[in-house]
Amino acid sequence: STLAERRKTKRVEQGAVIIDSDEVKVKVSHGLISVIPLTSASRSRAMVSECMIMANEAAARYLQEHELPAVYISQPPPDSTLPNRAALPTRQTYVHATRRLMNPSSISTMPERHSALGVPSYTQVTSPLRRYVDLQMHHQIKHHLATRQSLFHESQLQIVAASVQPAIADARKCERESVRFW
């Protein structure tokens, strides 16, 4: 966990915006609904989160260094100064105000900075069973490691990026609404 804490500190120094919002896990069993809060302050969750960010950043760096077409996720910095946590009455108020000021992330085949994470470029490879883009990036990297060739052309990945963007936006909205509801 010390490594995760140092990594998070480094990202913050590079401009990362840390929004410690809790998540909820909703279970329905035999008609009974249980809502379990998952705190972001958990050391194990923080360690897993930092390791996933490192893995995704390393994959983006590999793809760039080998000039392989890829799907990148970027996010421009906020247009205005973020609120001071101490100046707001509750953590929820701070989280809501900060999220409203953040610019949306975008998906493209051009590597750009992900300001919220504080990394120069970012792709996703950590959930290939859940996310199609992650699976495609796994195929691209694995193929390159085996053959030193690119599996996908940029035009193919531009289609992937364009096709998943609306689904990702919908999933984020559903997640926000679910957390707010529960």
N, C-alpha and C. Protein backbone atom coordinates (compact mmCIF):
# COMPACT_ATOMS: atom_id res chain seq x y z
N SER A 1 0.82 -1.20 0.00
CA SER A 1 0.00 0.00 0.00
C SER A 1 0.86 1.27 0.00
N THR A 2 2.08 1.15 0.48
CA THR A 2 2.98 2.31 0.45
C THR A 2 3.27 2.71 -0.99
N LEU A 3 3.47 1.74 -1.86
CA LEU A 3 3.69 2.03 -3.28
C LEU A 3 2.48 2.74 -3.86
N ALA A 4 1.28 2.27 -3.54
CA ALA A 4 0.07 2.91 -4.04
C ALA A 4 -0.04 4.35 -3.54
N GLU A 5 0.29 4.59 -2.29
CA GLU A 5 0.22 5.94 -1.74
C GLU A 5 1.24 6.86 -2.41
N ARG A 6 2.46 6.35 -2.65
CA ARG A 6 3.48 7.16 -3.33
C ARG A 6 3.04 7.47 -4.76
N ARG A 7 2.48 6.48 -5.42
CA ARG A 7 2.02 6.65 -6.80
C ARG A 7 0.90 7.69 -6.87
N LYS A 8 -0.03 7.61 -5.94
CA LYS A 8 -1.14 8.56 -5.91
C LYS A 8 -0.60 9.97 -5.67
N THR A 9 0.35 10.11 -4.74
CA THR A 9 0.97 11.41 -4.46
C THR A 9 1.64 11.96 -5.71
N LYS A 10 2.34 11.11 -6.44
CA LYS A 10 3.01 11.54 -7.68
C LYS A 10 1.98 12.01 -8.71
N ARG A 11 0.88 11.28 -8.83
CA ARG A 11 -0.15 11.68 -9.79
C ARG A 11 -0.76 13.02 -9.41
N VAL A 12 -0.98 13.22 -8.11
CA VAL A 12 -1.54 14.50 -7.65
C VAL A 12 -0.57 15.64 -7.98
N GLU A 13 0.72 15.40 -7.80
CA GLU A 13 1.73 16.40 -8.16
C GLU A 13 1.69 16.71 -9.65
N GLN A 14 1.27 15.74 -10.45
CA GLN A 14 1.19 15.92 -11.90
C GLN A 14 -0.20 16.40 -12.33
N GLY A 15 -1.02 16.81 -11.36
CA GLY A 15 -2.30 17.42 -11.68
C GLY A 15 -3.51 16.53 -11.53
N ALA A 16 -3.36 15.32 -11.04
CA ALA A 16 -4.52 14.43 -10.88
C ALA A 16 -5.54 15.07 -9.94
N VAL A 17 -6.80 14.82 -10.22
CA VAL A 17 -7.90 15.29 -9.39
C VAL A 17 -8.46 14.06 -8.67
N ILE A 18 -8.31 14.03 -7.39
CA ILE A 18 -8.78 12.88 -6.60
C ILE A 18 -10.16 13.20 -6.06
N ILE A 19 -11.13 12.42 -6.47
CA ILE A 19 -12.50 12.58 -5.99
C ILE A 19 -12.84 11.29 -5.24
N ASP A 20 -12.73 11.35 -3.93
CA ASP A 20 -13.01 10.17 -3.11
C ASP A 20 -14.50 10.06 -2.85
N SER A 21 -15.19 9.43 -3.78
CA SER A 21 -16.62 9.23 -3.59
C SER A 21 -16.87 7.75 -3.33
N ASP A 22 -17.81 7.50 -2.49
CA ASP A 22 -18.13 6.12 -2.16
C ASP A 22 -18.97 5.51 -3.27
N GLU A 23 -18.90 4.20 -3.35
CA GLU A 23 -19.72 3.44 -4.27
C GLU A 23 -20.68 2.61 -3.45
N VAL A 24 -21.68 2.09 -4.10
CA VAL A 24 -22.59 1.18 -3.42
C VAL A 24 -22.73 -0.10 -4.21
N LYS A 25 -22.93 -1.17 -3.49
CA LYS A 25 -23.20 -2.45 -4.11
C LYS A 25 -24.61 -2.83 -3.70
N VAL A 26 -25.46 -3.03 -4.68
CA VAL A 26 -26.87 -3.35 -4.42
C VAL A 26 -27.09 -4.82 -4.73
N LYS A 27 -27.65 -5.54 -3.78
CA LYS A 27 -27.96 -6.95 -3.98
C LYS A 27 -29.45 -7.17 -3.75
N VAL A 28 -30.03 -8.01 -4.59
CA VAL A 28 -31.41 -8.40 -4.41
C VAL A 28 -31.42 -9.91 -4.25
N SER A 29 -31.95 -10.37 -3.12
CA SER A 29 -32.00 -11.81 -2.85
C SER A 29 -33.33 -12.13 -2.21
N HIS A 30 -34.09 -12.98 -2.88
CA HIS A 30 -35.40 -13.41 -2.38
C HIS A 30 -36.31 -12.21 -2.09
N GLY A 31 -36.26 -11.22 -2.96
CA GLY A 31 -37.11 -10.05 -2.83
C GLY A 31 -36.62 -9.01 -1.84
N LEU A 32 -35.51 -9.27 -1.16
CA LEU A 32 -34.95 -8.31 -0.21
C LEU A 32 -33.80 -7.55 -0.85
N ILE A 33 -33.82 -6.25 -0.70
CA ILE A 33 -32.77 -5.40 -1.27
C ILE A 33 -31.80 -5.02 -0.16
N SER A 34 -30.52 -5.24 -0.43
CA SER A 34 -29.51 -4.77 0.52
C SER A 34 -28.56 -3.83 -0.22
N VAL A 35 -28.23 -2.74 0.44
CA VAL A 35 -27.34 -1.74 -0.10
C VAL A 35 -26.09 -1.71 0.78
N ILE A 36 -24.95 -2.01 0.16
CA ILE A 36 -23.70 -2.08 0.90
C ILE A 36 -22.79 -0.97 0.42
N PRO A 37 -22.48 0.00 1.31
CA PRO A 37 -21.54 1.05 0.90
C PRO A 37 -20.12 0.50 0.79
N LEU A 38 -19.42 0.88 -0.28
CA LEU A 38 -18.02 0.50 -0.46
C LEU A 38 -17.20 1.77 -0.34
N THR A 39 -16.48 1.91 0.72
CA THR A 39 -15.74 3.15 0.94
C THR A 39 -14.49 3.20 0.09
N SER A 40 -14.23 4.37 -0.45
CA SER A 40 -13.03 4.55 -1.27
C SER A 40 -11.79 4.66 -0.39
N ALA A 41 -11.99 4.80 0.92
CA ALA A 41 -10.85 4.94 1.84
C ALA A 41 -10.18 3.60 2.16
N SER A 42 -10.74 2.52 1.70
CA SER A 42 -10.17 1.20 1.96
C SER A 42 -8.78 1.10 1.33
N ARG A 43 -7.81 0.65 2.11
CA ARG A 43 -6.44 0.54 1.60
C ARG A 43 -6.36 -0.44 0.44
N SER A 44 -7.11 -1.54 0.52
CA SER A 44 -7.05 -2.52 -0.56
C SER A 44 -7.65 -1.96 -1.85
N ARG A 45 -8.75 -1.23 -1.77
CA ARG A 45 -9.36 -0.62 -2.96
C ARG A 45 -8.42 0.42 -3.56
N ALA A 46 -7.76 1.19 -2.69
CA ALA A 46 -6.81 2.21 -3.17
C ALA A 46 -5.64 1.55 -3.89
N MET A 47 -5.15 0.44 -3.35
CA MET A 47 -4.02 -0.25 -3.96
C MET A 47 -4.42 -0.83 -5.32
N VAL A 48 -5.58 -1.45 -5.39
CA VAL A 48 -6.04 -2.01 -6.67
C VAL A 48 -6.24 -0.89 -7.69
N SER A 49 -6.83 0.20 -7.26
CA SER A 49 -7.07 1.33 -8.16
C SER A 49 -5.76 1.87 -8.73
N GLU A 50 -4.77 2.10 -7.88
CA GLU A 50 -3.49 2.62 -8.35
C GLU A 50 -2.80 1.63 -9.28
N CYS A 51 -2.88 0.34 -8.96
CA CYS A 51 -2.26 -0.67 -9.83
C CYS A 51 -2.93 -0.70 -11.20
N MET A 52 -4.24 -0.53 -11.23
CA MET A 52 -4.95 -0.50 -12.52
C MET A 52 -4.55 0.73 -13.33
N ILE A 53 -4.44 1.86 -12.67
CA ILE A 53 -4.02 3.08 -13.38
C ILE A 53 -2.61 2.89 -13.93
N MET A 54 -1.70 2.32 -13.12
CA MET A 54 -0.33 2.08 -13.58
C MET A 54 -0.31 1.14 -14.78
N ALA A 55 -1.08 0.07 -14.73
CA ALA A 55 -1.11 -0.90 -15.83
C ALA A 55 -1.63 -0.25 -17.11
N ASN A 56 -2.69 0.54 -16.99
CA ASN A 56 -3.25 1.20 -18.16
C ASN A 56 -2.30 2.25 -18.74
N GLU A 57 -1.63 2.97 -17.87
CA GLU A 57 -0.64 3.96 -18.33
C GLU A 57 0.54 3.25 -19.01
N ALA A 58 1.00 2.15 -18.42
CA ALA A 58 2.12 1.39 -19.01
C ALA A 58 1.73 0.84 -20.38
N ALA A 59 0.51 0.35 -20.52
CA ALA A 59 0.05 -0.16 -21.81
C ALA A 59 0.03 0.97 -22.85
N ALA A 60 -0.46 2.14 -22.45
CA ALA A 60 -0.48 3.29 -23.38
C ALA A 60 0.94 3.66 -23.80
N ARG A 61 1.85 3.66 -22.84
CA ARG A 61 3.25 3.98 -23.16
C ARG A 61 3.83 2.95 -24.13
N TYR A 62 3.57 1.66 -23.91
CA TYR A 62 4.05 0.60 -24.80
C TYR A 62 3.53 0.81 -26.21
N LEU A 63 2.23 1.07 -26.32
CA LEU A 63 1.62 1.27 -27.64
C LEU A 63 2.24 2.48 -28.35
N GLN A 64 2.48 3.55 -27.62
CA GLN A 64 3.09 4.74 -28.21
C GLN A 64 4.54 4.48 -28.62
N GLU A 65 5.31 3.87 -27.73
CA GLU A 65 6.72 3.63 -28.01
C GLU A 65 6.92 2.74 -29.23
N HIS A 66 5.97 1.86 -29.49
CA HIS A 66 6.08 0.96 -30.63
C HIS A 66 5.24 1.43 -31.82
N GLU A 67 4.73 2.65 -31.70
CA GLU A 67 3.94 3.29 -32.76
C GLU A 67 2.82 2.39 -33.26
N LEU A 68 2.11 1.79 -32.31
CA LEU A 68 0.99 0.93 -32.63
C LEU A 68 -0.31 1.72 -32.53
N PRO A 69 -1.20 1.55 -33.48
CA PRO A 69 -2.50 2.18 -33.36
C PRO A 69 -3.19 1.68 -32.08
N ALA A 70 -3.88 2.59 -31.42
CA ALA A 70 -4.51 2.24 -30.16
C ALA A 70 -5.72 3.13 -29.91
N VAL A 71 -6.51 2.73 -28.94
CA VAL A 71 -7.63 3.54 -28.48
C VAL A 71 -7.21 4.12 -27.13
N TYR A 72 -7.19 5.45 -27.07
CA TYR A 72 -6.76 6.15 -25.86
C TYR A 72 -7.95 6.87 -25.22
N ILE A 73 -7.88 7.02 -23.92
CA ILE A 73 -8.86 7.79 -23.19
C ILE A 73 -8.13 9.02 -22.66
N SER A 74 -8.67 10.19 -22.92
CA SER A 74 -8.05 11.43 -22.44
C SER A 74 -9.10 12.29 -21.77
N GLN A 75 -8.62 13.28 -21.03
CA GLN A 75 -9.53 14.22 -20.39
C GLN A 75 -8.82 15.55 -20.23
N PRO A 76 -9.39 16.59 -20.81
CA PRO A 76 -8.77 17.92 -20.64
C PRO A 76 -8.94 18.40 -19.20
N PRO A 77 -8.09 19.32 -18.78
CA PRO A 77 -8.23 19.85 -17.41
C PRO A 77 -9.53 20.64 -17.28
N PRO A 78 -9.97 20.84 -16.04
CA PRO A 78 -11.19 21.64 -15.83
C PRO A 78 -11.00 23.06 -16.36
N ASP A 79 -12.09 23.66 -16.77
CA ASP A 79 -12.04 25.03 -17.30
C ASP A 79 -11.86 26.08 -16.21
N SER A 80 -12.22 25.72 -14.99
CA SER A 80 -12.07 26.68 -13.89
C SER A 80 -11.46 25.99 -12.68
N THR A 81 -11.12 26.78 -11.70
CA THR A 81 -10.50 26.25 -10.49
C THR A 81 -11.47 25.36 -9.73
N LEU A 82 -10.97 24.24 -9.28
CA LEU A 82 -11.81 23.31 -8.53
C LEU A 82 -12.06 23.83 -7.12
N PRO A 83 -13.17 23.44 -6.51
CA PRO A 83 -13.49 23.94 -5.17
C PRO A 83 -12.51 23.43 -4.12
N ASN A 84 -12.39 24.19 -3.06
CA ASN A 84 -11.58 23.80 -1.90
C ASN A 84 -12.45 22.91 -1.02
N ARG A 85 -11.96 21.71 -0.73
CA ARG A 85 -12.74 20.76 0.07
C ARG A 85 -13.14 21.35 1.41
N ALA A 86 -12.23 22.07 2.05
CA ALA A 86 -12.50 22.62 3.38
C ALA A 86 -13.59 23.69 3.35
N ALA A 87 -13.82 24.30 2.19
CA ALA A 87 -14.80 25.39 2.09
C ALA A 87 -16.23 24.90 1.90
N LEU A 88 -16.40 23.60 1.68
CA LEU A 88 -17.75 23.06 1.43
C LEU A 88 -18.22 22.26 2.63
N PRO A 89 -19.53 22.27 2.88
CA PRO A 89 -20.05 21.67 4.11
C PRO A 89 -19.92 20.14 4.21
N THR A 90 -20.05 19.44 3.09
CA THR A 90 -19.98 17.98 3.16
C THR A 90 -19.12 17.43 2.03
N ARG A 91 -18.70 16.20 2.21
CA ARG A 91 -17.91 15.54 1.16
C ARG A 91 -18.75 15.38 -0.11
N GLN A 92 -20.03 15.05 0.05
CA GLN A 92 -20.91 14.89 -1.11
C GLN A 92 -21.02 16.18 -1.90
N THR A 93 -21.09 17.31 -1.20
CA THR A 93 -21.15 18.61 -1.87
C THR A 93 -19.89 18.84 -2.68
N TYR A 94 -18.74 18.52 -2.07
CA TYR A 94 -17.46 18.68 -2.75
C TYR A 94 -17.39 17.79 -4.00
N VAL A 95 -17.77 16.52 -3.85
CA VAL A 95 -17.73 15.57 -4.97
C VAL A 95 -18.62 16.08 -6.11
N HIS A 96 -19.82 16.50 -5.78
CA HIS A 96 -20.76 16.97 -6.80
C HIS A 96 -20.22 18.22 -7.50
N ALA A 97 -19.73 19.17 -6.72
CA ALA A 97 -19.22 20.42 -7.30
C ALA A 97 -18.00 20.16 -8.18
N THR A 98 -17.12 19.27 -7.74
CA THR A 98 -15.91 18.97 -8.51
C THR A 98 -16.27 18.26 -9.81
N ARG A 99 -17.14 17.29 -9.73
CA ARG A 99 -17.53 16.55 -10.95
C ARG A 99 -18.18 17.47 -11.97
N ARG A 100 -18.97 18.43 -11.52
CA ARG A 100 -19.62 19.36 -12.45
C ARG A 100 -18.61 20.19 -13.22
N LEU A 101 -17.47 20.48 -12.59
CA LEU A 101 -16.46 21.32 -13.24
C LEU A 101 -15.51 20.55 -14.15
N MET A 102 -15.49 19.24 -14.01
CA MET A 102 -14.58 18.43 -14.83
C MET A 102 -15.09 18.35 -16.26
N ASN A 103 -14.18 18.43 -17.20
CA ASN A 103 -14.55 18.22 -18.60
C ASN A 103 -14.73 16.73 -18.84
N PRO A 104 -15.58 16.38 -19.78
CA PRO A 104 -15.78 14.95 -20.06
C PRO A 104 -14.53 14.33 -20.69
N SER A 105 -14.36 13.06 -20.43
CA SER A 105 -13.26 12.34 -21.07
C SER A 105 -13.67 12.03 -22.50
N SER A 106 -12.68 11.74 -23.33
CA SER A 106 -12.97 11.37 -24.71
C SER A 106 -12.13 10.18 -25.11
N ILE A 107 -12.58 9.53 -26.14
CA ILE A 107 -11.92 8.33 -26.65
C ILE A 107 -11.51 8.61 -28.09
N SER A 108 -10.23 8.36 -28.38
CA SER A 108 -9.77 8.54 -29.75
C SER A 108 -8.51 7.70 -29.98
N THR A 109 -8.01 7.76 -31.17
CA THR A 109 -6.78 7.03 -31.49
C THR A 109 -5.54 7.91 -31.32
N MET A 110 -5.73 9.10 -30.80
CA MET A 110 -4.61 10.01 -30.57
C MET A 110 -4.31 10.06 -29.07
N PRO A 111 -3.07 9.78 -28.68
CA PRO A 111 -2.74 9.85 -27.25
C PRO A 111 -2.69 11.29 -26.76
N GLU A 112 -3.45 11.56 -25.72
CA GLU A 112 -3.46 12.88 -25.11
C GLU A 112 -3.49 12.70 -23.60
N ARG A 113 -3.22 13.76 -22.90
CA ARG A 113 -3.16 13.74 -21.45
C ARG A 113 -4.53 13.42 -20.83
N HIS A 114 -4.50 12.65 -19.76
CA HIS A 114 -5.71 12.41 -18.96
C HIS A 114 -5.50 13.20 -17.67
N SER A 115 -6.06 14.41 -17.64
CA SER A 115 -5.76 15.33 -16.54
C SER A 115 -6.32 14.84 -15.20
N ALA A 116 -7.48 14.23 -15.19
CA ALA A 116 -8.05 13.78 -13.92
C ALA A 116 -7.18 12.71 -13.27
N LEU A 117 -6.53 11.89 -14.08
CA LEU A 117 -5.65 10.85 -13.54
C LEU A 117 -4.21 11.33 -13.37
N GLY A 118 -3.87 12.45 -13.99
CA GLY A 118 -2.52 12.99 -13.88
C GLY A 118 -1.49 12.17 -14.63
N VAL A 119 -1.89 11.62 -15.80
CA VAL A 119 -0.97 10.81 -16.59
C VAL A 119 -0.91 11.35 -18.02
N PRO A 120 0.26 11.20 -18.69
CA PRO A 120 0.42 11.77 -20.03
C PRO A 120 -0.43 11.09 -21.11
N SER A 121 -0.67 9.80 -20.96
CA SER A 121 -1.56 9.09 -21.90
C SER A 121 -2.12 7.88 -21.18
N TYR A 122 -3.26 7.38 -21.68
CA TYR A 122 -3.98 6.35 -20.95
C TYR A 122 -4.81 5.53 -21.92
N THR A 123 -4.74 4.23 -21.76
CA THR A 123 -5.65 3.34 -22.46
C THR A 123 -6.23 2.41 -21.41
N GLN A 124 -7.10 1.53 -21.80
CA GLN A 124 -7.66 0.60 -20.81
C GLN A 124 -7.39 -0.83 -21.26
N VAL A 125 -6.77 -1.58 -20.34
CA VAL A 125 -6.48 -3.00 -20.60
C VAL A 125 -6.84 -3.88 -19.41
N THR A 126 -7.36 -3.30 -18.34
CA THR A 126 -7.51 -4.05 -17.10
C THR A 126 -8.82 -4.82 -16.96
N SER A 127 -9.74 -4.67 -17.88
CA SER A 127 -11.02 -5.40 -17.81
C SER A 127 -11.43 -5.96 -19.16
N PRO A 128 -10.62 -6.84 -19.75
CA PRO A 128 -10.96 -7.34 -21.09
C PRO A 128 -12.21 -8.21 -21.14
N LEU A 129 -12.67 -8.71 -20.01
CA LEU A 129 -13.91 -9.49 -20.00
C LEU A 129 -15.14 -8.59 -19.94
N ARG A 130 -14.95 -7.35 -19.49
CA ARG A 130 -16.06 -6.41 -19.33
C ARG A 130 -16.13 -5.34 -20.41
N ARG A 131 -14.96 -4.95 -20.91
CA ARG A 131 -14.93 -3.83 -21.85
C ARG A 131 -14.29 -4.24 -23.17
N TYR A 132 -14.99 -3.92 -24.23
CA TYR A 132 -14.54 -4.28 -25.58
C TYR A 132 -13.21 -3.62 -25.94
N VAL A 133 -13.05 -2.35 -25.59
CA VAL A 133 -11.80 -1.64 -25.91
C VAL A 133 -10.62 -2.34 -25.24
N ASP A 134 -10.79 -2.75 -23.99
CA ASP A 134 -9.71 -3.44 -23.27
C ASP A 134 -9.31 -4.71 -24.03
N LEU A 135 -10.29 -5.44 -24.49
CA LEU A 135 -10.02 -6.67 -25.24
C LEU A 135 -9.25 -6.38 -26.52
N GLN A 136 -9.64 -5.34 -27.23
CA GLN A 136 -8.95 -4.99 -28.47
C GLN A 136 -7.50 -4.58 -28.21
N MET A 137 -7.28 -3.84 -27.11
CA MET A 137 -5.91 -3.43 -26.78
C MET A 137 -5.07 -4.65 -26.35
N HIS A 138 -5.69 -5.62 -25.68
CA HIS A 138 -4.99 -6.87 -25.36
C HIS A 138 -4.54 -7.56 -26.65
N HIS A 139 -5.47 -7.66 -27.60
CA HIS A 139 -5.14 -8.31 -28.89
C HIS A 139 -4.00 -7.56 -29.60
N GLN A 140 -4.08 -6.23 -29.59
CA GLN A 140 -3.05 -5.43 -30.27
C GLN A 140 -1.68 -5.66 -29.64
N ILE A 141 -1.60 -5.60 -28.32
CA ILE A 141 -0.31 -5.77 -27.63
C ILE A 141 0.19 -7.21 -27.77
N LYS A 142 -0.68 -8.17 -27.57
CA LYS A 142 -0.27 -9.59 -27.66
C LYS A 142 0.24 -9.92 -29.07
N HIS A 143 -0.47 -9.42 -30.07
CA HIS A 143 -0.06 -9.68 -31.45
C HIS A 143 1.31 -9.04 -31.71
N HIS A 144 1.51 -7.84 -31.22
CA HIS A 144 2.79 -7.16 -31.42
C HIS A 144 3.93 -7.90 -30.71
N LEU A 145 3.68 -8.37 -29.51
CA LEU A 145 4.70 -9.12 -28.78
C LEU A 145 5.10 -10.40 -29.52
N ALA A 146 4.13 -11.03 -30.17
CA ALA A 146 4.40 -12.28 -30.87
C ALA A 146 5.01 -12.08 -32.26
N THR A 147 4.60 -11.01 -32.96
CA THR A 147 4.98 -10.86 -34.36
C THR A 147 5.76 -9.59 -34.68
N ARG A 148 5.80 -8.67 -33.75
CA ARG A 148 6.38 -7.34 -33.98
C ARG A 148 5.61 -6.57 -35.04
N GLN A 149 4.37 -6.96 -35.27
CA GLN A 149 3.50 -6.29 -36.24
C GLN A 149 2.25 -5.78 -35.53
N SER A 150 1.59 -4.83 -36.15
CA SER A 150 0.33 -4.32 -35.63
C SER A 150 -0.81 -5.21 -36.13
N LEU A 151 -1.72 -5.55 -35.25
CA LEU A 151 -2.89 -6.35 -35.66
C LEU A 151 -3.96 -5.46 -36.28
N PHE A 152 -4.20 -4.31 -35.66
CA PHE A 152 -5.25 -3.40 -36.12
C PHE A 152 -4.63 -2.16 -36.75
N HIS A 153 -5.32 -1.66 -37.77
CA HIS A 153 -4.94 -0.39 -38.39
C HIS A 153 -5.68 0.73 -37.65
N GLU A 154 -5.17 1.93 -37.75
CA GLU A 154 -5.80 3.05 -37.05
C GLU A 154 -7.25 3.23 -37.47
N SER A 155 -7.55 3.07 -38.75
CA SER A 155 -8.93 3.25 -39.20
C SER A 155 -9.88 2.26 -38.54
N GLN A 156 -9.42 1.05 -38.28
CA GLN A 156 -10.25 0.06 -37.59
C GLN A 156 -10.53 0.50 -36.15
N LEU A 157 -9.49 1.01 -35.50
CA LEU A 157 -9.66 1.43 -34.10
C LEU A 157 -10.44 2.73 -33.98
N GLN A 158 -10.42 3.56 -35.03
CA GLN A 158 -11.26 4.76 -35.01
C GLN A 158 -12.74 4.37 -34.99
N ILE A 159 -13.06 3.31 -35.71
CA ILE A 159 -14.44 2.81 -35.71
C ILE A 159 -14.81 2.28 -34.34
N VAL A 160 -13.89 1.54 -33.71
CA VAL A 160 -14.12 1.02 -32.36
C VAL A 160 -14.35 2.18 -31.40
N ALA A 161 -13.47 3.18 -31.44
CA ALA A 161 -13.58 4.33 -30.53
C ALA A 161 -14.91 5.05 -30.71
N ALA A 162 -15.30 5.27 -31.94
CA ALA A 162 -16.55 5.98 -32.21
C ALA A 162 -17.76 5.16 -31.78
N SER A 163 -17.69 3.85 -31.91
CA SER A 163 -18.85 3.02 -31.59
C SER A 163 -19.04 2.82 -30.09
N VAL A 164 -17.97 2.85 -29.30
CA VAL A 164 -18.13 2.62 -27.86
C VAL A 164 -18.39 3.89 -27.07
N GLN A 165 -18.09 5.05 -27.63
CA GLN A 165 -18.26 6.32 -26.90
C GLN A 165 -19.68 6.50 -26.34
N PRO A 166 -20.74 6.32 -27.13
CA PRO A 166 -22.09 6.51 -26.57
C PRO A 166 -22.42 5.51 -25.46
N ALA A 167 -21.98 4.28 -25.61
CA ALA A 167 -22.25 3.26 -24.59
C ALA A 167 -21.54 3.59 -23.28
N ILE A 168 -20.32 4.08 -23.39
CA ILE A 168 -19.55 4.46 -22.19
C ILE A 168 -20.23 5.64 -21.49
N ALA A 169 -20.68 6.60 -22.26
CA ALA A 169 -21.37 7.76 -21.66
C ALA A 169 -22.64 7.31 -20.95
N ASP A 170 -23.39 6.40 -21.57
CA ASP A 170 -24.62 5.89 -20.95
C ASP A 170 -24.31 5.11 -19.67
N ALA A 171 -23.25 4.30 -19.70
CA ALA A 171 -22.88 3.51 -18.52
C ALA A 171 -22.48 4.43 -17.36
N ARG A 172 -21.73 5.49 -17.65
CA ARG A 172 -21.34 6.44 -16.60
C ARG A 172 -22.56 7.12 -15.99
N LYS A 173 -23.49 7.51 -16.86
CA LYS A 173 -24.70 8.16 -16.37
C LYS A 173 -25.50 7.21 -15.48
N CYS A 174 -25.63 5.97 -15.91
CA CYS A 174 -26.35 4.97 -15.10
C CYS A 174 -25.67 4.76 -13.75
N GLU A 175 -24.35 4.70 -13.76
CA GLU A 175 -23.61 4.51 -12.51
C GLU A 175 -23.83 5.69 -11.56
N ARG A 176 -23.73 6.90 -12.09
CA ARG A 176 -23.95 8.10 -11.24
C ARG A 176 -25.36 8.10 -10.68
N GLU A 177 -26.34 7.82 -11.53
CA GLU A 177 -27.74 7.84 -11.08
C GLU A 177 -27.99 6.74 -10.05
N SER A 178 -27.38 5.58 -10.24
CA SER A 178 -27.56 4.49 -9.29
C SER A 178 -26.98 4.85 -7.92
N VAL A 179 -25.77 5.39 -7.93
CA VAL A 179 -25.14 5.78 -6.66
C VAL A 179 -25.97 6.87 -5.98
N ARG A 180 -26.42 7.85 -6.75
CA ARG A 180 -27.22 8.92 -6.16
C ARG A 180 -28.54 8.38 -5.61
N PHE A 181 -29.17 7.47 -6.33
CA PHE A 181 -30.45 6.91 -5.88
C PHE A 181 -30.27 6.13 -4.58
N TRP A 182 -29.28 5.24 -4.55
CA TRP A 182 -29.11 4.39 -3.37
C TRP A 182 -28.44 5.14 -2.24
